[in-house]
Amino acid sequence: MAAKISLVTGASSGIGHATALELLRAGHIVYGVARRVHKMAAISEAGGHILPMDVTKEEDLQRVVRTILDEHQRIDVLVNNAGAVVHGAVEDTPLAMARDQFEVNVYAPARLIQLVLPQMRQQRSGTIVNVSSIGGELALPLGAWYYASKHALEAFSDTLRMETGQFGIDVVVIQPGIIKTDFEAGTARQLREISGNGAYRQMAEAMARAAEASVSESGHASDPDVVATAIREAIESARPETRYVVGRQAESLLNLKRSLPDREFDARVTLPAS
């Protein structure tokens, strides 16, 4: 298979970092981008290109796309992996934080897609991979804005897939379950800061303790490499699946959501207040 020119966002850690290295091992040309350039040394050492990029800054997005096109005249793969999460009750979470959540998880990938699509249409090929979550299909307490952003990203991806298929462009959604990353390292702190002193304090404390237990029992989470492998398989496939469900509890939780009435699902996933 010919090497694909690939752009991976959020490549400084977790899924993005693992994906960049997986694609490099498979012989692809990889541009890993993130704000924390110093954390992408392994990508550079493996033969990849690293560039600084803040996904919320228009000038950064344009600069990165222009750099790749100047050097290779094409972009074959875009992996929108960079993301953010906020935890707190709807009533307590400042709307400024909610807007930031959508800026990073929805508008930033959408803008990057707009920038790469003209070239992909011209070459009549390309794969856009949007890293969502099982939270793109279900929702849990005290994370409304994160789940809303991932639901939005998945609906956006569905429409994009229908629009761009005529140009030979594939759109893939990745739905990870519980993955061993630093992504939610601040969950317990956020829960206590945002909702730890008000009407939702008992629920927030119960979920904060559960989050802390989850971090201490990280062996129960899947390695980011399982997600990276799924992404590589998707971009190397002549006809990729529209969705890839990967990682611990991903399939079981989605099946639970799909099979149970809403209130029964609510009761299963809502922790009792301590």
Protein backbone atom coordinates (compact mmCIF):
# COMPACT_ATOMS: atom_id res chain seq x y z
CA MET A 1 0.00 0.00 0.00
CA ALA A 2 1.25 3.46 -0.89
CA ALA A 3 2.12 5.68 2.05
CA LYS A 4 -0.68 8.05 3.00
CA ILE A 5 -0.03 11.65 4.01
CA SER A 6 -1.68 11.81 7.42
CA LEU A 7 -2.47 14.63 9.83
CA VAL A 8 -3.16 13.62 13.44
CA THR A 9 -4.33 16.19 15.98
CA GLY A 10 -3.84 15.88 19.73
CA ALA A 11 -0.69 13.84 19.08
CA SER A 12 1.11 14.76 22.30
CA SER A 13 -0.53 12.03 24.39
CA GLY A 14 -3.02 9.19 24.57
CA ILE A 15 -4.88 8.09 21.47
CA GLY A 16 -3.36 10.73 19.20
CA HIS A 17 0.20 9.86 20.20
CA ALA A 18 -0.44 6.13 19.79
CA THR A 19 -2.10 6.70 16.41
CA ALA A 20 0.78 8.74 15.04
CA LEU A 21 3.26 6.02 16.02
CA GLU A 22 1.02 3.24 14.66
CA LEU A 23 0.72 4.95 11.29
CA LEU A 24 4.47 5.54 11.16
CA ARG A 25 5.14 1.85 11.86
CA ALA A 26 2.79 1.01 8.99
CA GLY A 27 4.90 3.15 6.62
CA HIS A 28 2.68 6.22 6.36
CA ILE A 29 3.89 9.84 6.38
CA VAL A 30 2.62 11.41 9.57
CA TYR A 31 2.27 14.98 10.79
CA GLY A 32 1.53 15.02 14.51
CA VAL A 33 0.22 18.30 15.87
CA ALA A 34 -0.50 19.56 19.37
CA ARG A 35 0.21 22.50 21.63
CA ARG A 36 2.78 20.57 23.67
CA VAL A 37 5.43 19.97 21.02
CA HIS A 38 7.96 18.73 23.60
CA LYS A 39 5.75 15.71 24.28
CA MET A 40 5.91 14.53 20.66
CA ALA A 41 9.63 13.71 20.57
CA ALA A 42 8.92 10.00 20.07
CA ILE A 43 7.00 10.81 16.89
CA SER A 44 9.91 12.80 15.52
CA GLU A 45 12.37 10.05 16.48
CA ALA A 46 10.18 7.51 14.64
CA GLY A 47 10.42 9.57 11.46
CA GLY A 48 7.31 11.68 11.79
CA HIS A 49 6.85 15.42 11.46
CA ILE A 50 5.75 17.44 14.48
CA LEU A 51 4.19 20.87 14.37
CA PRO A 52 2.75 23.16 17.05
CA MET A 53 -0.97 23.76 16.73
CA ASP A 54 -3.74 25.07 18.93
CA VAL A 55 -6.96 23.72 17.41
CA THR A 56 -8.87 26.81 18.50
CA LYS A 57 -6.64 29.21 16.52
CA GLU A 58 -7.54 29.77 12.88
CA GLU A 59 -4.03 30.87 11.94
CA ASP A 60 -2.59 27.63 13.35
CA LEU A 61 -5.02 25.45 11.42
CA GLN A 62 -4.29 27.26 8.16
CA ARG A 63 -0.53 27.18 8.73
CA VAL A 64 -0.46 23.42 9.34
CA VAL A 65 -2.60 22.53 6.32
CA ARG A 66 -0.60 24.88 4.10
CA THR A 67 2.68 23.37 5.31
CA ILE A 68 1.61 19.83 4.46
CA LEU A 69 0.27 20.80 1.05
CA ASP A 70 3.42 22.77 0.26
CA GLU A 71 5.55 19.74 1.11
CA HIS A 72 3.45 16.93 -0.40
CA GLN A 73 0.72 18.54 -2.55
CA ARG A 74 -1.90 16.31 -0.95
CA ILE A 75 -3.47 15.22 2.34
CA ASP A 76 -4.85 11.69 2.39
CA VAL A 77 -5.89 11.31 6.02
CA LEU A 78 -7.15 13.65 8.71
CA VAL A 79 -7.50 12.22 12.22
CA ASN A 80 -9.44 14.67 14.40
CA ASN A 81 -8.44 13.41 17.83
CA ALA A 82 -7.81 16.54 19.92
CA GLY A 83 -10.53 16.97 22.51
CA ALA A 84 -11.47 18.33 25.91
CA VAL A 85 -13.85 17.33 28.68
CA VAL A 86 -15.65 19.16 31.46
CA HIS A 87 -17.55 17.51 34.32
CA GLY A 88 -20.25 19.19 36.36
CA ALA A 89 -24.01 19.45 36.67
CA VAL A 90 -25.83 21.36 33.94
CA GLU A 91 -27.10 23.86 36.52
CA ASP A 92 -23.60 24.53 37.84
CA THR A 93 -21.40 24.54 34.74
CA PRO A 94 -20.65 28.05 33.44
CA LEU A 95 -21.75 28.49 29.84
CA ALA A 96 -18.30 29.84 29.00
CA MET A 97 -16.93 26.38 29.79
CA ALA A 98 -19.67 24.79 27.71
CA ARG A 99 -18.79 27.01 24.74
CA ASP A 100 -15.11 26.09 25.11
CA GLN A 101 -16.12 22.42 25.03
CA PHE A 102 -17.90 22.85 21.71
CA GLU A 103 -15.06 25.00 20.36
CA VAL A 104 -12.54 22.20 20.85
CA ASN A 105 -14.71 19.13 20.25
CA VAL A 106 -16.92 20.33 17.38
CA TYR A 107 -15.94 23.62 15.76
CA ALA A 108 -12.19 22.97 15.63
CA PRO A 109 -12.48 19.62 13.81
CA ALA A 110 -15.17 21.09 11.56
CA ARG A 111 -12.89 23.96 10.55
CA LEU A 112 -9.96 21.64 9.91
CA ILE A 113 -12.22 19.50 7.73
CA GLN A 114 -13.20 22.59 5.75
CA LEU A 115 -9.53 23.32 5.13
CA VAL A 116 -8.59 19.83 3.89
CA LEU A 117 -11.71 19.09 1.84
CA PRO A 118 -10.87 21.15 -1.27
CA GLN A 119 -7.67 19.15 -1.84
CA MET A 120 -9.36 15.84 -1.03
CA ARG A 121 -12.13 16.63 -3.49
CA GLN A 122 -9.59 17.54 -6.15
CA GLN A 123 -7.68 14.28 -5.69
CA ARG A 124 -11.02 12.43 -5.34
CA SER A 125 -9.86 10.47 -2.33
CA GLY A 126 -9.31 10.86 1.38
CA THR A 127 -10.28 9.58 4.80
CA ILE A 128 -11.54 11.77 7.63
CA VAL A 129 -11.47 10.07 11.03
CA ASN A 130 -13.36 11.78 13.85
CA VAL A 131 -12.52 10.39 17.28
CA SER A 132 -15.73 10.48 19.26
CA SER A 133 -16.56 8.28 22.26
CA ILE A 134 -19.25 5.91 23.38
CA GLY A 135 -20.45 9.22 24.83
CA GLY A 136 -21.38 10.17 21.28
CA GLU A 137 -24.29 7.76 21.57
CA LEU A 138 -25.07 7.61 25.29
CA ALA A 139 -24.85 10.04 28.20
CA LEU A 140 -24.02 9.81 31.89
CA PRO A 141 -24.68 12.24 34.76
CA LEU A 142 -22.56 15.35 35.29
CA GLY A 143 -21.06 15.45 31.82
CA ALA A 144 -23.80 16.98 29.70
CA TRP A 145 -21.62 19.35 27.70
CA TYR A 146 -19.03 16.70 26.84
CA TYR A 147 -21.70 14.23 25.76
CA ALA A 148 -23.57 16.92 23.85
CA SER A 149 -20.40 17.82 21.97
CA LYS A 150 -19.71 14.20 21.04
CA HIS A 151 -23.33 13.66 19.96
CA ALA A 152 -22.93 16.75 17.78
CA LEU A 153 -19.66 15.48 16.31
CA GLU A 154 -21.29 12.20 15.35
CA ALA A 155 -24.30 13.84 13.70
CA PHE A 156 -21.92 16.17 11.89
CA SER A 157 -19.91 13.14 10.72
CA ASP A 158 -23.01 11.37 9.42
CA THR A 159 -24.00 14.35 7.30
CA LEU A 160 -20.42 14.86 6.13
CA ARG A 161 -20.22 11.21 5.05
CA MET A 162 -23.33 11.59 2.89
CA GLU A 163 -22.06 14.82 1.33
CA THR A 164 -18.51 13.74 0.52
CA GLY A 165 -18.98 10.13 -0.55
CA GLN A 166 -19.55 11.29 -4.11
CA PHE A 167 -15.95 12.57 -4.18
CA GLY A 168 -14.39 9.33 -2.95
CA ILE A 169 -13.93 10.63 0.59
CA ASP A 170 -14.63 8.31 3.54
CA VAL A 171 -15.78 9.62 6.92
CA VAL A 172 -15.20 7.36 9.92
CA VAL A 173 -16.29 7.74 13.54
CA ILE A 174 -14.27 6.06 16.30
CA GLN A 175 -16.15 5.29 19.53
CA PRO A 176 -13.65 4.40 22.27
CA GLY A 177 -14.77 2.98 25.59
CA ILE A 178 -12.61 3.13 28.71
CA ILE A 179 -9.08 3.91 27.52
CA LYS A 180 -5.92 4.35 29.59
CA THR A 181 -5.06 8.01 28.92
CA ASP A 182 -4.55 11.27 30.81
CA PHE A 183 -7.70 12.67 29.20
CA GLU A 184 -9.87 12.51 32.30
CA ALA A 185 -7.15 12.91 34.90
CA GLY A 186 -8.87 16.03 36.22
CA THR A 187 -12.36 14.53 36.45
CA ALA A 188 -12.58 14.28 40.24
CA ARG A 189 -11.19 17.79 40.68
CA GLN A 190 -13.65 19.26 38.16
CA LEU A 191 -16.60 17.51 39.77
CA ARG A 192 -15.72 18.88 43.20
CA GLU A 193 -14.90 22.38 41.98
CA ILE A 194 -18.02 22.79 39.84
CA SER A 195 -20.65 20.77 41.70
CA GLY A 196 -19.08 19.78 44.99
CA ASN A 197 -20.80 22.37 47.17
CA GLY A 198 -24.32 22.72 45.83
CA ALA A 199 -27.48 20.73 45.25
CA TYR A 200 -25.60 18.02 43.32
CA ARG A 201 -22.75 17.60 45.80
CA GLN A 202 -23.65 14.03 46.82
CA MET A 203 -23.79 12.82 43.24
CA ALA A 204 -20.62 14.75 42.39
CA GLU A 205 -18.72 13.25 45.32
CA ALA A 206 -19.85 9.71 44.45
CA MET A 207 -18.71 10.17 40.86
CA ALA A 208 -15.45 11.83 41.93
CA ARG A 209 -14.61 8.84 44.11
CA ALA A 210 -15.48 6.48 41.28
CA ALA A 211 -13.21 8.47 38.94
CA GLU A 212 -10.35 8.30 41.44
CA ALA A 213 -10.84 4.55 41.80
CA SER A 214 -10.82 4.20 38.03
CA VAL A 215 -7.48 6.02 37.78
CA SER A 216 -5.94 3.84 40.50
CA GLU A 217 -7.22 0.73 38.72
CA SER A 218 -5.99 1.78 35.29
CA GLY A 219 -5.25 -1.85 34.44
CA HIS A 220 -8.97 -2.23 33.83
CA ALA A 221 -8.79 0.26 30.95
CA SER A 222 -7.76 -0.59 27.40
CA ASP A 223 -4.45 0.63 26.03
CA PRO A 224 -4.62 3.50 23.49
CA ASP A 225 -2.95 1.17 21.00
CA VAL A 226 -6.25 -0.68 20.46
CA VAL A 227 -7.79 2.57 19.22
CA ALA A 228 -4.74 3.37 17.11
CA THR A 229 -4.98 -0.05 15.46
CA ALA A 230 -8.64 0.52 14.61
CA ILE A 231 -7.79 3.90 13.07
CA ARG A 232 -5.01 2.39 10.97
CA GLU A 233 -7.31 -0.40 9.76
CA ALA A 234 -9.95 2.17 8.83
CA ILE A 235 -7.63 4.33 6.75
CA GLU A 236 -6.07 1.33 5.03
CA SER A 237 -9.43 -0.21 4.14
CA ALA A 238 -10.85 0.23 0.65
CA ARG A 239 -14.28 0.48 2.25
CA PRO A 240 -14.02 1.30 5.96
CA GLU A 241 -16.82 0.87 8.44
CA THR A 242 -18.65 4.08 9.29
CA ARG A 243 -18.12 3.44 13.02
CA TYR A 244 -15.53 1.50 15.01
CA VAL A 245 -16.39 0.61 18.62
CA VAL A 246 -13.21 -0.15 20.55
CA GLY A 247 -11.95 -0.54 24.10
CA ARG A 248 -13.15 -1.82 27.43
CA GLN A 249 -16.93 -1.79 28.00
CA ALA A 250 -17.56 0.08 24.76
CA GLU A 251 -19.64 -2.61 23.08
CA SER A 252 -21.43 -3.69 26.27
CA LEU A 253 -22.43 -0.15 27.30
CA LEU A 254 -23.66 0.74 23.82
CA ASN A 255 -25.66 -2.49 23.63
CA LEU A 256 -27.14 -1.70 27.05
CA LYS A 257 -28.17 1.77 25.88
CA ARG A 258 -29.66 0.43 22.66
CA SER A 259 -31.65 -2.33 24.36
CA LEU A 260 -33.03 -0.73 27.54
CA PRO A 261 -35.82 1.83 27.99
CA ASP A 262 -34.38 5.23 28.93
CA ARG A 263 -35.35 5.16 32.62
CA GLU A 264 -33.99 1.66 33.11
CA PHE A 265 -30.70 2.70 31.54
CA ASP A 266 -30.65 5.81 33.76
CA ALA A 267 -31.03 3.63 36.85
CA ARG A 268 -28.19 1.33 35.75
CA VAL A 269 -25.61 4.08 35.20
CA THR A 270 -26.47 6.62 37.93
CA LEU A 271 -24.31 6.08 41.00
CA PRO A 272 -26.11 6.17 44.35
CA ALA A 273 -25.29 9.29 46.35
CA SER A 274 -22.91 8.57 49.19
